[in-house]
N, C-alpha and C. Protein backbone atom coordinates (compact mmCIF):
# COMPACT_ATOMS: atom_id res chain seq x y z
N MET A 1 -62.49 -60.26 -54.05
CA MET A 1 -63.70 -60.83 -55.23
C MET A 1 -64.64 -59.84 -55.29
N PHE A 2 -64.82 -59.40 -56.59
CA PHE A 2 -66.00 -58.77 -56.85
C PHE A 2 -67.18 -59.60 -56.49
N SER A 3 -68.36 -58.68 -57.11
CA SER A 3 -69.60 -59.39 -57.30
C SER A 3 -69.90 -59.43 -59.05
N ALA A 4 -70.83 -60.17 -59.40
CA ALA A 4 -71.44 -60.16 -60.87
C ALA A 4 -71.77 -58.86 -61.04
N LEU A 5 -72.56 -57.96 -60.08
CA LEU A 5 -73.24 -56.85 -60.59
C LEU A 5 -72.18 -55.61 -60.43
N GLN A 6 -71.11 -56.11 -59.68
CA GLN A 6 -69.97 -55.11 -59.94
C GLN A 6 -69.44 -54.97 -61.22
N ILE A 7 -69.06 -56.23 -61.81
CA ILE A 7 -68.70 -56.21 -63.15
C ILE A 7 -69.32 -55.77 -64.15
N VAL A 8 -70.73 -55.84 -64.11
CA VAL A 8 -71.63 -55.33 -65.08
C VAL A 8 -71.80 -53.95 -64.83
N ASN A 9 -71.51 -53.33 -63.68
CA ASN A 9 -71.36 -51.81 -63.57
C ASN A 9 -70.10 -51.38 -64.23
N TRP A 10 -69.12 -52.18 -64.16
CA TRP A 10 -68.02 -51.60 -64.97
C TRP A 10 -68.16 -51.64 -66.53
N MET A 11 -69.11 -52.77 -67.14
CA MET A 11 -69.37 -52.82 -68.24
C MET A 11 -70.40 -51.58 -68.82
N ARG A 12 -71.28 -51.14 -67.84
CA ARG A 12 -72.22 -50.25 -68.15
C ARG A 12 -71.40 -48.77 -68.25
N VAL A 13 -70.49 -48.58 -67.30
CA VAL A 13 -69.69 -47.39 -67.45
C VAL A 13 -68.86 -47.33 -68.63
N LYS A 14 -68.36 -48.37 -69.09
CA LYS A 14 -67.57 -48.49 -70.38
C LYS A 14 -68.29 -48.27 -71.54
N ASN A 15 -69.39 -48.97 -71.53
CA ASN A 15 -70.52 -48.62 -72.59
C ASN A 15 -71.14 -47.47 -72.67
N LYS A 16 -71.16 -46.68 -71.63
CA LYS A 16 -71.70 -45.56 -71.59
C LYS A 16 -70.61 -44.49 -72.24
N ALA A 17 -69.49 -44.74 -72.10
CA ALA A 17 -68.55 -43.78 -72.53
C ALA A 17 -68.41 -44.20 -74.28
N GLU A 18 -68.80 -45.24 -74.45
CA GLU A 18 -68.46 -45.69 -75.87
C GLU A 18 -69.87 -45.06 -76.71
N LEU A 19 -70.85 -45.05 -75.83
CA LEU A 19 -72.10 -44.42 -76.36
C LEU A 19 -72.03 -42.76 -76.84
N ASN A 20 -70.99 -42.29 -75.78
CA ASN A 20 -70.99 -40.88 -75.88
C ASN A 20 -70.12 -40.56 -77.10
N GLU A 21 -69.08 -41.66 -77.11
CA GLU A 21 -68.05 -41.12 -78.21
C GLU A 21 -68.48 -41.60 -79.56
N SER A 22 -69.14 -42.38 -79.88
CA SER A 22 -69.31 -43.01 -81.38
C SER A 22 -71.15 -43.13 -81.70
N GLU A 23 -71.30 -42.60 -82.76
CA GLU A 23 -72.86 -42.90 -83.05
C GLU A 23 -73.10 -44.31 -83.41
N TYR A 24 -72.07 -44.99 -83.74
CA TYR A 24 -72.03 -46.43 -84.04
C TYR A 24 -72.22 -47.40 -82.96
N ALA A 25 -71.80 -47.05 -81.57
CA ALA A 25 -71.91 -47.80 -80.39
C ALA A 25 -73.24 -48.58 -80.25
N GLU A 26 -73.64 -49.55 -79.75
CA GLU A 26 -75.08 -49.97 -79.44
C GLU A 26 -74.95 -50.18 -77.83
N GLU A 27 -76.03 -50.07 -77.18
CA GLU A 27 -76.20 -50.05 -75.55
C GLU A 27 -76.31 -51.43 -75.28
N LEU A 28 -75.44 -51.80 -74.30
CA LEU A 28 -75.26 -52.88 -73.62
C LEU A 28 -76.76 -53.59 -73.20
N THR A 29 -76.77 -54.87 -73.75
CA THR A 29 -77.97 -55.56 -73.14
C THR A 29 -77.87 -56.45 -72.15
N GLN A 30 -78.90 -56.95 -71.59
CA GLN A 30 -78.64 -57.78 -70.43
C GLN A 30 -78.05 -58.85 -70.76
N MET A 31 -78.48 -59.67 -72.00
CA MET A 31 -77.87 -61.01 -72.52
C MET A 31 -76.53 -60.76 -72.91
N LYS A 32 -76.17 -59.94 -73.65
CA LYS A 32 -74.81 -59.62 -73.76
C LYS A 32 -73.91 -59.55 -72.61
N ALA A 33 -74.31 -58.77 -71.52
CA ALA A 33 -73.48 -58.68 -70.14
C ALA A 33 -73.48 -60.13 -69.47
N MET A 34 -74.35 -60.91 -69.81
CA MET A 34 -74.40 -62.21 -69.16
C MET A 34 -73.30 -63.01 -69.75
N LYS A 35 -73.17 -62.96 -71.14
CA LYS A 35 -72.06 -63.64 -71.74
C LYS A 35 -70.85 -63.09 -71.55
N LEU A 36 -70.78 -61.83 -71.44
CA LEU A 36 -69.60 -60.97 -71.22
C LEU A 36 -69.19 -61.59 -69.80
N LEU A 37 -69.95 -61.63 -68.94
CA LEU A 37 -69.51 -62.41 -67.52
C LEU A 37 -69.15 -63.80 -67.57
N TYR A 38 -69.65 -64.41 -68.34
CA TYR A 38 -69.17 -65.96 -68.51
C TYR A 38 -67.57 -65.96 -69.01
N TYR A 39 -67.35 -65.22 -69.88
CA TYR A 39 -66.24 -65.21 -70.56
C TYR A 39 -65.05 -64.60 -69.52
N ASP A 40 -65.60 -63.29 -68.70
CA ASP A 40 -64.66 -62.89 -67.76
C ASP A 40 -64.16 -63.98 -66.74
N TYR A 41 -65.42 -64.21 -66.23
CA TYR A 41 -65.18 -65.46 -65.28
C TYR A 41 -64.27 -66.69 -65.58
N GLY A 42 -64.46 -67.28 -66.91
CA GLY A 42 -63.75 -68.12 -67.30
C GLY A 42 -62.31 -67.91 -67.65
N VAL A 43 -61.99 -66.62 -68.11
CA VAL A 43 -60.64 -66.34 -68.38
C VAL A 43 -59.70 -65.98 -67.15
N TYR A 44 -60.55 -65.34 -66.20
CA TYR A 44 -60.03 -64.97 -64.83
C TYR A 44 -59.68 -66.34 -64.18
N LEU A 45 -60.67 -67.51 -64.18
CA LEU A 45 -60.61 -68.69 -63.50
C LEU A 45 -59.05 -69.55 -64.13
N ALA A 46 -59.09 -69.51 -65.33
CA ALA A 46 -57.78 -70.03 -66.19
C ALA A 46 -56.61 -69.33 -65.81
N TYR A 47 -56.53 -68.10 -65.68
CA TYR A 47 -55.30 -67.53 -65.59
C TYR A 47 -55.01 -67.63 -64.02
N THR A 48 -55.85 -67.29 -63.14
CA THR A 48 -55.65 -67.29 -61.67
C THR A 48 -55.89 -68.40 -60.71
N GLY A 49 -56.78 -69.29 -61.32
CA GLY A 49 -57.16 -70.49 -60.44
C GLY A 49 -58.26 -69.89 -59.47
N LYS A 50 -58.43 -68.68 -59.65
CA LYS A 50 -59.74 -68.16 -58.67
C LYS A 50 -61.01 -67.85 -59.17
N LYS A 51 -61.78 -67.74 -58.27
CA LYS A 51 -63.10 -67.24 -59.06
C LYS A 51 -63.25 -65.63 -59.06
N LEU A 52 -63.93 -65.18 -60.21
CA LEU A 52 -63.98 -63.55 -60.21
C LEU A 52 -64.94 -63.04 -59.25
N PHE A 53 -66.05 -64.02 -59.30
CA PHE A 53 -67.24 -63.47 -58.54
C PHE A 53 -67.88 -64.58 -57.74
N SER A 54 -68.71 -64.61 -56.81
CA SER A 54 -68.89 -65.53 -56.10
C SER A 54 -70.34 -66.09 -56.59
N GLU A 55 -71.23 -65.35 -57.47
CA GLU A 55 -72.37 -65.80 -57.96
C GLU A 55 -72.15 -67.15 -58.87
N PRO A 56 -72.89 -68.00 -58.91
CA PRO A 56 -72.83 -69.23 -59.85
C PRO A 56 -73.19 -68.74 -61.29
N ILE A 57 -72.50 -69.19 -62.36
CA ILE A 57 -73.00 -69.02 -63.82
C ILE A 57 -73.94 -70.51 -64.18
N LEU A 58 -75.06 -69.77 -64.46
CA LEU A 58 -75.97 -71.21 -64.97
C LEU A 58 -76.22 -71.35 -66.37
N ALA A 59 -76.60 -72.61 -66.85
CA ALA A 59 -76.79 -72.93 -67.98
C ALA A 59 -78.07 -72.72 -68.40
N TRP A 60 -78.44 -71.64 -68.94
CA TRP A 60 -80.02 -71.48 -69.33
C TRP A 60 -80.10 -71.32 -70.66
N LYS A 61 -81.47 -71.30 -71.26
CA LYS A 61 -81.80 -71.79 -72.59
C LYS A 61 -81.01 -70.89 -73.69
N TYR A 62 -80.65 -69.50 -73.17
CA TYR A 62 -80.08 -68.74 -74.28
C TYR A 62 -78.67 -68.58 -73.90
N GLY A 63 -78.07 -69.58 -73.10
CA GLY A 63 -76.47 -69.36 -72.78
C GLY A 63 -76.16 -69.04 -71.28
N PRO A 64 -75.13 -69.24 -70.95
CA PRO A 64 -74.63 -68.86 -69.62
C PRO A 64 -75.19 -67.58 -69.16
N ALA A 65 -75.73 -67.62 -67.97
CA ALA A 65 -76.54 -66.44 -67.03
C ALA A 65 -76.13 -66.44 -65.72
N VAL A 66 -76.45 -65.12 -64.99
CA VAL A 66 -76.32 -64.80 -63.75
C VAL A 66 -77.56 -64.49 -63.23
N GLU A 67 -77.90 -65.33 -62.08
CA GLU A 67 -79.66 -65.05 -62.07
C GLU A 67 -79.71 -63.79 -61.16
N ALA A 68 -78.41 -63.16 -60.42
CA ALA A 68 -78.57 -61.90 -59.79
C ALA A 68 -78.63 -60.59 -60.83
N VAL A 69 -78.26 -60.86 -61.87
CA VAL A 69 -78.18 -59.98 -63.04
C VAL A 69 -79.53 -59.90 -63.56
N HIS A 70 -79.82 -60.83 -63.94
CA HIS A 70 -81.32 -61.14 -64.48
C HIS A 70 -82.44 -60.54 -63.42
N VAL A 71 -82.17 -60.70 -62.21
CA VAL A 71 -83.22 -60.18 -61.33
C VAL A 71 -83.25 -58.98 -61.33
N LYS A 72 -81.84 -57.94 -61.15
CA LYS A 72 -81.77 -57.05 -60.94
C LYS A 72 -82.42 -55.97 -62.59
N TYR A 73 -82.22 -56.72 -63.58
CA TYR A 73 -82.53 -56.11 -64.71
C TYR A 73 -83.53 -56.79 -65.33
N LYS A 74 -84.46 -57.38 -64.66
CA LYS A 74 -85.65 -58.29 -65.30
C LYS A 74 -86.47 -57.14 -66.05
N GLY A 75 -86.92 -57.52 -67.26
CA GLY A 75 -87.71 -56.78 -68.15
C GLY A 75 -87.14 -55.63 -68.75
N GLN A 76 -85.71 -55.41 -68.59
CA GLN A 76 -84.93 -54.67 -69.33
C GLN A 76 -84.24 -55.43 -70.34
N ARG A 77 -84.14 -54.65 -71.72
CA ARG A 77 -83.15 -55.38 -72.71
C ARG A 77 -81.92 -54.43 -72.48
N GLU A 78 -81.98 -53.47 -72.68
CA GLU A 78 -80.66 -52.48 -72.63
C GLU A 78 -80.49 -52.00 -71.00
N ILE A 79 -79.23 -52.05 -70.63
CA ILE A 79 -79.07 -51.96 -69.13
C ILE A 79 -78.13 -50.65 -68.80
N VAL A 80 -77.82 -49.99 -69.70
CA VAL A 80 -76.87 -49.02 -69.13
C VAL A 80 -77.40 -47.68 -68.36
N GLY A 81 -78.56 -47.23 -68.90
CA GLY A 81 -79.35 -46.36 -68.19
C GLY A 81 -78.39 -45.21 -67.59
N GLU A 82 -78.74 -44.59 -66.54
CA GLU A 82 -77.89 -43.63 -65.84
C GLU A 82 -77.07 -43.97 -65.05
N ILE A 83 -75.73 -43.53 -65.02
CA ILE A 83 -74.61 -43.94 -64.41
C ILE A 83 -74.52 -43.39 -63.08
N SER A 84 -74.61 -43.84 -61.80
CA SER A 84 -74.52 -43.38 -60.55
C SER A 84 -72.94 -43.33 -60.22
N GLU A 85 -72.84 -42.57 -58.83
CA GLU A 85 -71.58 -42.53 -58.37
C GLU A 85 -71.03 -44.07 -57.73
N ALA A 86 -71.93 -44.75 -57.24
CA ALA A 86 -71.72 -46.20 -57.07
C ALA A 86 -71.19 -47.16 -58.19
N ASP A 87 -71.73 -46.79 -59.53
CA ASP A 87 -71.39 -47.32 -60.64
C ASP A 87 -69.88 -47.04 -60.95
N PHE A 88 -69.63 -45.73 -60.68
CA PHE A 88 -68.44 -45.07 -60.91
C PHE A 88 -67.19 -45.82 -59.88
N THR A 89 -67.78 -45.82 -58.75
CA THR A 89 -66.75 -46.60 -57.85
C THR A 89 -66.38 -47.99 -58.02
N ASP A 90 -67.39 -48.84 -58.43
CA ASP A 90 -67.25 -50.18 -58.88
C ASP A 90 -66.28 -50.11 -60.21
N TYR A 91 -66.40 -49.38 -60.92
CA TYR A 91 -65.72 -49.22 -62.26
C TYR A 91 -64.22 -48.80 -61.89
N ASN A 92 -63.95 -47.88 -60.97
CA ASN A 92 -62.81 -47.42 -60.43
C ASN A 92 -62.04 -48.78 -59.78
N GLU A 93 -62.75 -49.27 -58.71
CA GLU A 93 -62.15 -50.39 -58.24
C GLU A 93 -61.66 -51.50 -58.93
N ILE A 94 -62.41 -51.91 -59.94
CA ILE A 94 -62.13 -52.97 -60.83
C ILE A 94 -60.48 -52.40 -61.73
N ASN A 95 -60.68 -51.12 -62.02
CA ASN A 95 -59.53 -50.54 -62.91
C ASN A 95 -58.36 -50.48 -61.91
N ASN A 96 -58.39 -50.61 -60.59
CA ASN A 96 -57.27 -50.31 -59.76
C ASN A 96 -56.86 -51.87 -59.33
N THR A 97 -57.41 -52.86 -59.65
CA THR A 97 -56.90 -54.20 -59.52
C THR A 97 -56.53 -54.74 -60.69
N PRO A 98 -55.48 -54.82 -60.81
CA PRO A 98 -54.46 -55.10 -62.15
C PRO A 98 -54.80 -56.30 -62.93
N LYS A 99 -54.91 -57.55 -62.25
CA LYS A 99 -55.30 -58.94 -62.97
C LYS A 99 -56.75 -58.60 -63.61
N VAL A 100 -57.45 -58.58 -62.60
CA VAL A 100 -59.17 -58.29 -62.96
C VAL A 100 -59.29 -57.19 -64.05
N ASN A 101 -58.72 -56.21 -63.92
CA ASN A 101 -58.75 -54.98 -65.01
C ASN A 101 -58.33 -55.57 -66.16
N ASP A 102 -57.02 -56.49 -66.28
CA ASP A 102 -56.58 -57.03 -67.49
C ASP A 102 -57.50 -58.06 -68.15
N VAL A 103 -58.14 -58.93 -67.32
CA VAL A 103 -59.10 -59.77 -68.01
C VAL A 103 -60.16 -59.15 -68.60
N ILE A 104 -60.81 -58.39 -67.89
CA ILE A 104 -62.06 -57.68 -68.27
C ILE A 104 -61.93 -56.85 -69.38
N ASN A 105 -60.93 -55.96 -69.48
CA ASN A 105 -60.55 -55.27 -70.58
C ASN A 105 -60.26 -55.98 -71.98
N THR A 106 -59.49 -57.29 -71.58
CA THR A 106 -59.25 -57.94 -72.65
C THR A 106 -60.34 -58.83 -73.31
N VAL A 107 -61.33 -59.21 -72.47
CA VAL A 107 -62.61 -59.88 -72.76
C VAL A 107 -63.50 -58.53 -73.50
N TRP A 108 -63.52 -57.77 -72.95
CA TRP A 108 -64.23 -56.49 -73.67
C TRP A 108 -63.81 -56.14 -74.99
N ASP A 109 -62.39 -56.09 -75.26
CA ASP A 109 -61.91 -55.88 -76.68
C ASP A 109 -62.16 -56.87 -77.34
N LYS A 110 -62.06 -58.29 -77.12
CA LYS A 110 -62.20 -59.22 -78.14
C LYS A 110 -63.76 -59.51 -78.17
N PHE A 111 -64.87 -59.30 -77.37
CA PHE A 111 -66.04 -59.61 -77.49
C PHE A 111 -67.15 -58.61 -77.30
N GLY A 112 -66.50 -57.24 -77.17
CA GLY A 112 -67.68 -56.23 -76.74
C GLY A 112 -68.36 -55.64 -77.80
N ASN A 113 -67.64 -55.87 -79.08
CA ASN A 113 -68.33 -55.39 -80.24
C ASN A 113 -69.23 -56.41 -81.25
N ARG A 114 -69.41 -57.63 -80.31
CA ARG A 114 -69.88 -58.60 -80.90
C ARG A 114 -71.38 -58.58 -80.39
N SER A 115 -72.54 -58.94 -81.14
CA SER A 115 -74.00 -58.89 -80.82
C SER A 115 -74.24 -60.01 -79.79
N ALA A 116 -75.02 -59.77 -78.97
CA ALA A 116 -75.62 -60.63 -77.94
C ALA A 116 -76.08 -62.17 -78.63
N TYR A 117 -76.56 -61.96 -79.60
CA TYR A 117 -76.87 -63.15 -80.32
C TYR A 117 -75.82 -64.09 -80.81
N ASP A 118 -74.62 -63.40 -81.33
CA ASP A 118 -73.42 -63.91 -81.79
C ASP A 118 -72.83 -64.60 -80.55
N LEU A 119 -72.80 -64.22 -79.55
CA LEU A 119 -71.94 -64.48 -78.28
C LEU A 119 -73.15 -65.48 -77.59
N MET A 120 -74.29 -65.63 -77.77
CA MET A 120 -75.20 -66.76 -77.23
C MET A 120 -74.87 -67.98 -78.15
N GLU A 121 -74.73 -67.94 -79.55
CA GLU A 121 -74.40 -68.86 -80.56
C GLU A 121 -73.03 -69.63 -80.25
N GLN A 122 -72.20 -68.63 -79.85
CA GLN A 122 -70.83 -68.93 -79.63
C GLN A 122 -70.83 -69.79 -78.36
N THR A 123 -71.43 -69.59 -77.37
CA THR A 123 -71.52 -70.20 -76.03
C THR A 123 -72.22 -71.47 -76.03
N HIS A 124 -73.08 -71.49 -77.00
CA HIS A 124 -73.89 -72.83 -77.35
C HIS A 124 -73.01 -73.80 -77.83
N ASN A 125 -71.94 -73.46 -78.42
CA ASN A 125 -71.03 -74.40 -78.99
C ASN A 125 -69.72 -74.57 -78.36
N GLU A 126 -69.56 -74.24 -77.01
CA GLU A 126 -68.62 -74.42 -76.08
C GLU A 126 -68.93 -75.64 -74.94
N SER A 127 -68.05 -76.31 -74.71
CA SER A 127 -68.04 -77.19 -73.71
C SER A 127 -68.77 -76.91 -72.25
N PRO A 128 -68.39 -75.71 -71.61
CA PRO A 128 -68.87 -75.66 -70.31
C PRO A 128 -70.43 -75.69 -70.49
N TRP A 129 -71.11 -75.00 -71.48
CA TRP A 129 -72.67 -74.91 -71.40
C TRP A 129 -73.28 -75.92 -72.13
N LYS A 130 -72.50 -76.65 -73.18
CA LYS A 130 -73.12 -77.79 -73.78
C LYS A 130 -73.36 -79.10 -72.78
N SER A 131 -72.10 -79.15 -71.84
CA SER A 131 -72.14 -80.42 -71.13
C SER A 131 -72.71 -80.14 -69.69
N THR A 132 -73.43 -78.89 -69.34
CA THR A 132 -74.34 -78.80 -68.23
C THR A 132 -75.78 -78.84 -68.35
N GLU A 133 -76.52 -79.56 -67.50
CA GLU A 133 -77.97 -79.75 -67.84
C GLU A 133 -78.70 -78.42 -67.57
N GLN A 134 -79.52 -78.10 -68.75
CA GLN A 134 -80.25 -76.85 -68.67
C GLN A 134 -80.73 -76.31 -67.03
N SER A 135 -80.43 -75.01 -66.77
CA SER A 135 -81.02 -74.55 -65.33
C SER A 135 -79.96 -75.04 -64.32
N HIS A 136 -79.16 -75.67 -64.72
CA HIS A 136 -77.91 -76.00 -63.44
C HIS A 136 -76.75 -75.03 -63.70
N GLN A 137 -75.95 -75.18 -62.46
CA GLN A 137 -74.94 -74.29 -62.49
C GLN A 137 -73.60 -74.93 -63.41
N ILE A 138 -72.97 -74.08 -64.01
CA ILE A 138 -71.59 -74.87 -64.92
C ILE A 138 -70.88 -74.70 -63.78
N SER A 139 -70.02 -75.70 -63.73
CA SER A 139 -69.08 -75.98 -62.69
C SER A 139 -67.79 -75.37 -63.05
N ASP A 140 -67.21 -74.84 -61.91
CA ASP A 140 -65.70 -74.28 -62.20
C ASP A 140 -64.90 -75.13 -62.75
N GLU A 141 -65.01 -76.55 -62.49
CA GLU A 141 -64.06 -77.60 -63.37
C GLU A 141 -64.10 -77.53 -64.67
N ALA A 142 -65.72 -77.33 -65.12
CA ALA A 142 -65.81 -77.45 -66.64
C ALA A 142 -65.16 -76.16 -67.24
N MET A 143 -65.35 -75.02 -66.54
CA MET A 143 -64.97 -73.85 -66.89
C MET A 143 -63.69 -73.61 -67.05
N HIS A 144 -62.92 -74.00 -65.85
CA HIS A 144 -61.45 -74.04 -66.00
C HIS A 144 -60.60 -74.90 -66.87
N ALA A 145 -61.36 -76.00 -67.02
CA ALA A 145 -60.51 -77.17 -68.19
C ALA A 145 -60.65 -76.53 -69.59
N TYR A 146 -62.10 -75.90 -69.74
CA TYR A 146 -62.12 -75.25 -71.35
C TYR A 146 -61.64 -73.93 -71.29
N PHE A 147 -61.60 -73.13 -70.52
CA PHE A 147 -60.79 -71.86 -70.87
C PHE A 147 -59.18 -72.00 -70.45
N ASP A 148 -58.94 -72.88 -69.73
CA ASP A 148 -57.31 -73.26 -69.71
C ASP A 148 -56.87 -73.85 -71.03
N GLU A 149 -57.74 -74.40 -71.72
CA GLU A 149 -57.34 -75.14 -73.03
C GLU A 149 -57.39 -73.81 -74.13
N VAL A 150 -58.35 -73.17 -74.17
CA VAL A 150 -58.61 -72.40 -75.40
C VAL A 150 -57.99 -70.96 -75.26
N VAL A 151 -57.81 -70.42 -73.86
CA VAL A 151 -57.15 -69.27 -73.77
C VAL A 151 -55.91 -69.39 -73.27
N VAL A 152 -55.43 -70.17 -72.23
CA VAL A 152 -54.00 -70.02 -71.95
C VAL A 152 -53.25 -70.82 -72.67
N ASP A 153 -53.56 -72.14 -73.01
CA ASP A 153 -52.82 -72.75 -73.86
C ASP A 153 -52.59 -72.45 -75.37
N GLU A 154 -53.55 -72.09 -75.99
CA GLU A 154 -53.46 -71.36 -77.41
C GLU A 154 -53.02 -69.90 -77.26
N GLY A 155 -52.97 -69.14 -76.30
CA GLY A 155 -52.39 -67.95 -75.99
C GLY A 155 -53.38 -66.78 -76.68
């Protein structure tokens, strides 16, 4: 099992490559990373029945969030910055874990070009966030039920 911060490091490395390749790419924000973590976790849970990372996903005002990510990047909007050897190590470990790699790349391909605001709006209309009291943990049961229905069943 990876940590949420390792998944974010994967996103940062991926986004840094996009920033270097395209003048139209936008730098990954903390808020967008939080929403992508929510989708990564939910899709992985639906496909495997297992947690992608151990940190809880919380129902915060602006959508699903992982407190450890917020603490690490507190006060920062954009979070890519300089990429370290440890960041590349996380990226490569995830790429070498087939199921995790498949899920994270699929989520990135589907939602990576969307704005943080659009993703926030989307999560606000989904049952895991809507049915959880603000600042409380979104349960794995709620995540699994929702993602199993909308991702696995609908294909």
